[in-house]
């Protein structure tokens, strides 16, 4: 069962990420498409000699027919097979949750509804910052962060 933290108004930090970018059809979102992106990220980082990286970060932005997804980690340099994405600092709302993957969508919706109820304007990107996976469970500790009237990240390459 999800344990949802109290939403906080924050300045979401700038990020310098390397990772995998894909446009995923909405119908594929609950079917492991994002998990496959994390697997691709892990394989590329392992091939580049990394044994540990944290936190992993996912960015999402809804398009007309697809969800624009970027899954990455804050690492420097160029890594074969990965794209660099620079994300500027922006005002936002953040809440730490402990939940299983099927509960992520509901947590995003609840945070989104809270933002709209406060009369705020949503930015374009949603962030998930994965802090860890709890032992002997399928529950992640994750910060769900939504931009408030933010700018889109700038992609190089």
C-alpha atoms as a PDB file:
ATOM      1  CA  UNK A   1       0.000   0.000   0.000  1.00  0.00           C
ATOM      2  CA  UNK A   2       1.366   3.394  -0.986  1.00  0.00           C
ATOM      3  CA  UNK A   3       2.580   5.725   1.704  1.00  0.00           C
ATOM      4  CA  UNK A   4       2.414   9.221   0.308  1.00  0.00           C
ATOM      5  CA  UNK A   5       4.472  12.067   1.701  1.00  0.00           C
ATOM      6  CA  UNK A   6       3.298  15.630   2.167  1.00  0.00           C
ATOM      7  CA  UNK A   7       3.745  17.659  -1.040  1.00  0.00           C
ATOM      8  CA  UNK A   8       6.295  20.459  -0.719  1.00  0.00           C
ATOM      9  CA  UNK A   9       6.769  23.569  -2.840  1.00  0.00           C
ATOM     10  CA  UNK A  10      10.385  23.447  -3.972  1.00  0.00           C
ATOM     11  CA  UNK A  11      12.803  24.578  -6.619  1.00  0.00           C
ATOM     12  CA  UNK A  12      13.518  21.387  -8.511  1.00  0.00           C
ATOM     13  CA  UNK A  13      17.286  21.206  -9.012  1.00  0.00           C
ATOM     14  CA  UNK A  14      19.051  21.429 -12.332  1.00  0.00           C
ATOM     15  CA  UNK A  15      20.087  18.001 -13.600  1.00  0.00           C
ATOM     16  CA  UNK A  16      22.836  16.887 -15.967  1.00  0.00           C
ATOM     17  CA  UNK A  17      21.762  13.417 -17.061  1.00  0.00           C
ATOM     18  CA  UNK A  18      22.928  10.690 -19.402  1.00  0.00           C
ATOM     19  CA  UNK A  19      20.287   8.235 -20.425  1.00  0.00           C
ATOM     20  CA  UNK A  20      17.798   6.775 -22.844  1.00  0.00           C
ATOM     21  CA  UNK A  21      15.087   8.801 -24.564  1.00  0.00           C
ATOM     22  CA  UNK A  22      12.033   7.188 -26.178  1.00  0.00           C
ATOM     23  CA  UNK A  23       8.524   8.126 -27.175  1.00  0.00           C
ATOM     24  CA  UNK A  24       6.261   5.449 -25.697  1.00  0.00           C
ATOM     25  CA  UNK A  25       2.648   4.948 -26.844  1.00  0.00           C
ATOM     26  CA  UNK A  26       0.278   5.577 -23.946  1.00  0.00           C
ATOM     27  CA  UNK A  27      -1.078   2.020 -24.230  1.00  0.00           C
ATOM     28  CA  UNK A  28       2.422   0.623 -23.547  1.00  0.00           C
ATOM     29  CA  UNK A  29       3.066   2.695 -20.411  1.00  0.00           C
ATOM     30  CA  UNK A  30       1.565   0.154 -17.955  1.00  0.00           C
ATOM     31  CA  UNK A  31       3.113  -2.791 -19.836  1.00  0.00           C
ATOM     32  CA  UNK A  32       6.762  -2.506 -18.851  1.00  0.00           C
ATOM     33  CA  UNK A  33       7.927  -0.032 -21.501  1.00  0.00           C
ATOM     34  CA  UNK A  34       9.593   2.232 -18.938  1.00  0.00           C
ATOM     35  CA  UNK A  35      11.166  -0.730 -17.153  1.00  0.00           C
ATOM     36  CA  UNK A  36      12.768  -1.686 -20.476  1.00  0.00           C
ATOM     37  CA  UNK A  37      14.308   1.809 -20.645  1.00  0.00           C
ATOM     38  CA  UNK A  38      15.837   1.323 -17.189  1.00  0.00           C
ATOM     39  CA  UNK A  39      17.257  -2.025 -18.374  1.00  0.00           C
ATOM     40  CA  UNK A  40      18.759  -0.339 -21.440  1.00  0.00           C
ATOM     41  CA  UNK A  41      20.286   2.370 -19.229  1.00  0.00           C
ATOM     42  CA  UNK A  42      21.739  -0.248 -16.890  1.00  0.00           C
ATOM     43  CA  UNK A  43      23.254  -2.236 -19.769  1.00  0.00           C
ATOM     44  CA  UNK A  44      24.887   0.858 -21.303  1.00  0.00           C
ATOM     45  CA  UNK A  45      26.302   2.025 -17.970  1.00  0.00           C
ATOM     46  CA  UNK A  46      27.612  -1.453 -17.138  1.00  0.00           C
ATOM     47  CA  UNK A  47      29.261  -1.684 -20.579  1.00  0.00           C
ATOM     48  CA  UNK A  48      30.932   1.691 -19.864  1.00  0.00           C
ATOM     49  CA  UNK A  49      32.410   0.303 -16.644  1.00  0.00           C
ATOM     50  CA  UNK A  50      29.984   1.703 -14.078  1.00  0.00           C
ATOM     51  CA  UNK A  51      29.071  -0.645 -11.232  1.00  0.00           C
ATOM     52  CA  UNK A  52      26.931   1.767  -9.206  1.00  0.00           C
ATOM     53  CA  UNK A  53      24.915   4.880  -9.976  1.00  0.00           C
ATOM     54  CA  UNK A  54      22.153   6.531  -8.039  1.00  0.00           C
ATOM     55  CA  UNK A  55      19.655   7.921  -8.046  1.00  0.00           C
ATOM     56  CA  UNK A  56      18.029   6.890 -11.300  1.00  0.00           C
ATOM     57  CA  UNK A  57      15.723   9.559 -12.659  1.00  0.00           C
ATOM     58  CA  UNK A  58      12.800   9.323 -15.070  1.00  0.00           C
ATOM     59  CA  UNK A  59      11.301  12.325 -16.854  1.00  0.00           C
ATOM     60  CA  UNK A  60       7.889  12.245 -18.517  1.00  0.00           C
ATOM     61  CA  UNK A  61       6.027  14.685 -20.748  1.00  0.00           C
ATOM     62  CA  UNK A  62       2.741  13.892 -22.460  1.00  0.00           C
ATOM     63  CA  UNK A  63       2.549  14.326 -26.227  1.00  0.00           C
ATOM     64  CA  UNK A  64      -0.529  13.940 -28.411  1.00  0.00           C
ATOM     65  CA  UNK A  65      -0.195  10.181 -28.980  1.00  0.00           C
ATOM     66  CA  UNK A  66       2.802   9.255 -26.844  1.00  0.00           C
ATOM     67  CA  UNK A  67       4.552   9.814 -23.559  1.00  0.00           C
ATOM     68  CA  UNK A  68       7.978  11.382 -24.088  1.00  0.00           C
ATOM     69  CA  UNK A  69      10.244   9.488 -21.664  1.00  0.00           C
ATOM     70  CA  UNK A  70      13.841   9.987 -20.575  1.00  0.00           C
ATOM     71  CA  UNK A  71      15.445   7.600 -18.097  1.00  0.00           C
ATOM     72  CA  UNK A  72      18.893   8.527 -16.842  1.00  0.00           C
ATOM     73  CA  UNK A  73      21.437   9.113 -14.124  1.00  0.00           C
ATOM     74  CA  UNK A  74      23.524  12.115 -13.097  1.00  0.00           C
ATOM     75  CA  UNK A  75      26.934  11.233 -14.498  1.00  0.00           C
ATOM     76  CA  UNK A  76      29.553  13.271 -16.331  1.00  0.00           C
ATOM     77  CA  UNK A  77      31.106  12.606 -19.696  1.00  0.00           C
ATOM     78  CA  UNK A  78      29.936  10.901 -22.858  1.00  0.00           C
ATOM     79  CA  UNK A  79      28.752   7.299 -22.637  1.00  0.00           C
ATOM     80  CA  UNK A  80      28.251   5.267 -25.819  1.00  0.00           C
ATOM     81  CA  UNK A  81      24.605   4.631 -26.606  1.00  0.00           C
ATOM     82  CA  UNK A  82      23.284   7.272 -24.187  1.00  0.00           C
ATOM     83  CA  UNK A  83      22.040  10.813 -24.711  1.00  0.00           C
ATOM     84  CA  UNK A  84      22.903  13.794 -22.523  1.00  0.00           C
ATOM     85  CA  UNK A  85      20.000  15.876 -21.241  1.00  0.00           C
ATOM     86  CA  UNK A  86      20.433  19.156 -19.356  1.00  0.00           C
ATOM     87  CA  UNK A  87      17.405  19.993 -17.228  1.00  0.00           C
ATOM     88  CA  UNK A  88      17.216  23.513 -15.773  1.00  0.00           C
ATOM     89  CA  UNK A  89      16.162  24.266 -12.212  1.00  0.00           C
ATOM     90  CA  UNK A  90      12.481  25.149 -12.078  1.00  0.00           C
ATOM     91  CA  UNK A  91       9.737  25.773  -9.515  1.00  0.00           C
ATOM     92  CA  UNK A  92       7.833  22.630  -8.668  1.00  0.00           C
ATOM     93  CA  UNK A  93       6.046  20.435  -6.184  1.00  0.00           C
ATOM     94  CA  UNK A  94       7.659  17.313  -4.743  1.00  0.00           C
ATOM     95  CA  UNK A  95       6.407  14.487  -2.541  1.00  0.00           C
ATOM     96  CA  UNK A  96       8.285  11.376  -1.411  1.00  0.00           C
ATOM     97  CA  UNK A  97       6.320   8.160  -1.739  1.00  0.00           C
ATOM     98  CA  UNK A  98       6.873   4.522  -0.830  1.00  0.00           C
ATOM     99  CA  UNK A  99       4.901   2.415  -3.292  1.00  0.00           C
ATOM    100  CA  UNK A 100       4.902  -0.345  -5.852  1.00  0.00           C
ATOM    101  CA  UNK A 101       5.104   0.440  -9.552  1.00  0.00           C
ATOM    102  CA  UNK A 102       1.350  -0.045 -10.231  1.00  0.00           C
ATOM    103  CA  UNK A 103       0.643   2.778  -7.744  1.00  0.00           C
ATOM    104  CA  UNK A 104       2.844   5.369  -9.498  1.00  0.00           C
ATOM    105  CA  UNK A 105       0.106   6.564 -11.858  1.00  0.00           C
ATOM    106  CA  UNK A 106      -2.305   7.257  -9.001  1.00  0.00           C
ATOM    107  CA  UNK A 107       0.392   9.186  -7.126  1.00  0.00           C
ATOM    108  CA  UNK A 108       1.045  11.373 -10.182  1.00  0.00           C
ATOM    109  CA  UNK A 109      -2.679  12.023 -10.591  1.00  0.00           C
ATOM    110  CA  UNK A 110      -3.107  12.962  -6.916  1.00  0.00           C
ATOM    111  CA  UNK A 111      -0.182  15.411  -7.043  1.00  0.00           C
ATOM    112  CA  UNK A 112      -1.426  16.852 -10.338  1.00  0.00           C
ATOM    113  CA  UNK A 113      -4.923  17.372  -8.910  1.00  0.00           C
ATOM    114  CA  UNK A 114      -3.446  19.093  -5.831  1.00  0.00           C
ATOM    115  CA  UNK A 115      -1.542  21.506  -8.094  1.00  0.00           C
ATOM    116  CA  UNK A 116      -4.647  22.326 -10.130  1.00  0.00           C
ATOM    117  CA  UNK A 117      -6.776  22.750  -6.980  1.00  0.00           C
ATOM    118  CA  UNK A 118      -4.282  25.389  -5.814  1.00  0.00           C
ATOM    119  CA  UNK A 119      -4.778  27.304  -9.066  1.00  0.00           C
ATOM    120  CA  UNK A 120      -1.225  26.665 -10.262  1.00  0.00           C
ATOM    121  CA  UNK A 121      -0.184  26.026 -13.859  1.00  0.00           C
ATOM    122  CA  UNK A 122       1.523  22.737 -14.621  1.00  0.00           C
ATOM    123  CA  UNK A 123       4.924  22.725 -16.261  1.00  0.00           C
ATOM    124  CA  UNK A 124       5.762  20.296 -19.011  1.00  0.00           C
ATOM    125  CA  UNK A 125       7.887  17.651 -17.259  1.00  0.00           C
ATOM    126  CA  UNK A 126       7.197  15.219 -14.456  1.00  0.00           C
ATOM    127  CA  UNK A 127      10.164  13.692 -12.631  1.00  0.00           C
ATOM    128  CA  UNK A 128      10.549  10.471 -10.683  1.00  0.00           C
ATOM    129  CA  UNK A 129      13.714  10.292  -8.581  1.00  0.00           C
ATOM    130  CA  UNK A 130      14.262   6.708  -7.450  1.00  0.00           C
ATOM    131  CA  UNK A 131      15.873   6.667  -4.003  1.00  0.00           C
ATOM    132  CA  UNK A 132      15.815   2.905  -3.442  1.00  0.00           C
ATOM    133  CA  UNK A 133      13.968  -0.395  -3.453  1.00  0.00           C
ATOM    134  CA  UNK A 134      12.950  -1.640  -0.012  1.00  0.00           C
ATOM    135  CA  UNK A 135      14.289  -5.063   0.973  1.00  0.00           C
ATOM    136  CA  UNK A 136      11.921  -8.021   0.592  1.00  0.00           C
ATOM    137  CA  UNK A 137       9.215  -5.880  -1.034  1.00  0.00           C
ATOM    138  CA  UNK A 138       8.274  -4.504  -4.410  1.00  0.00           C
ATOM    139  CA  UNK A 139       8.100  -0.987  -2.961  1.00  0.00           C
ATOM    140  CA  UNK A 140      10.258   1.847  -4.204  1.00  0.00           C
ATOM    141  CA  UNK A 141      11.074   5.009  -2.317  1.00  0.00           C
ATOM    142  CA  UNK A 142      10.608   7.648  -4.996  1.00  0.00           C
ATOM    143  CA  UNK A 143      10.250  11.414  -5.143  1.00  0.00           C
ATOM    144  CA  UNK A 144       7.525  12.411  -7.569  1.00  0.00           C
ATOM    145  CA  UNK A 145       8.175  15.953  -8.731  1.00  0.00           C
ATOM    146  CA  UNK A 146       6.018  18.071 -11.015  1.00  0.00           C
ATOM    147  CA  UNK A 147       7.147  21.302 -12.615  1.00  0.00           C
ATOM    148  CA  UNK A 148       5.107  24.440 -12.119  1.00  0.00           C
ATOM    149  CA  UNK A 149       5.197  26.532 -15.320  1.00  0.00           C
ATOM    150  CA  UNK A 150       8.699  25.156 -15.994  1.00  0.00           C
ATOM    151  CA  UNK A 151      10.773  25.004 -19.147  1.00  0.00           C
ATOM    152  CA  UNK A 152      11.462  21.891 -21.185  1.00  0.00           C
ATOM    153  CA  UNK A 153      14.916  20.340 -20.739  1.00  0.00           C
ATOM    154  CA  UNK A 154      17.513  21.042 -23.414  1.00  0.00           C
ATOM    155  CA  UNK A 155      18.805  17.938 -25.186  1.00  0.00           C
ATOM    156  CA  UNK A 156      22.261  17.742 -26.747  1.00  0.00           C
ATOM    157  CA  UNK A 157      23.162  15.298 -29.468  1.00  0.00           C
END
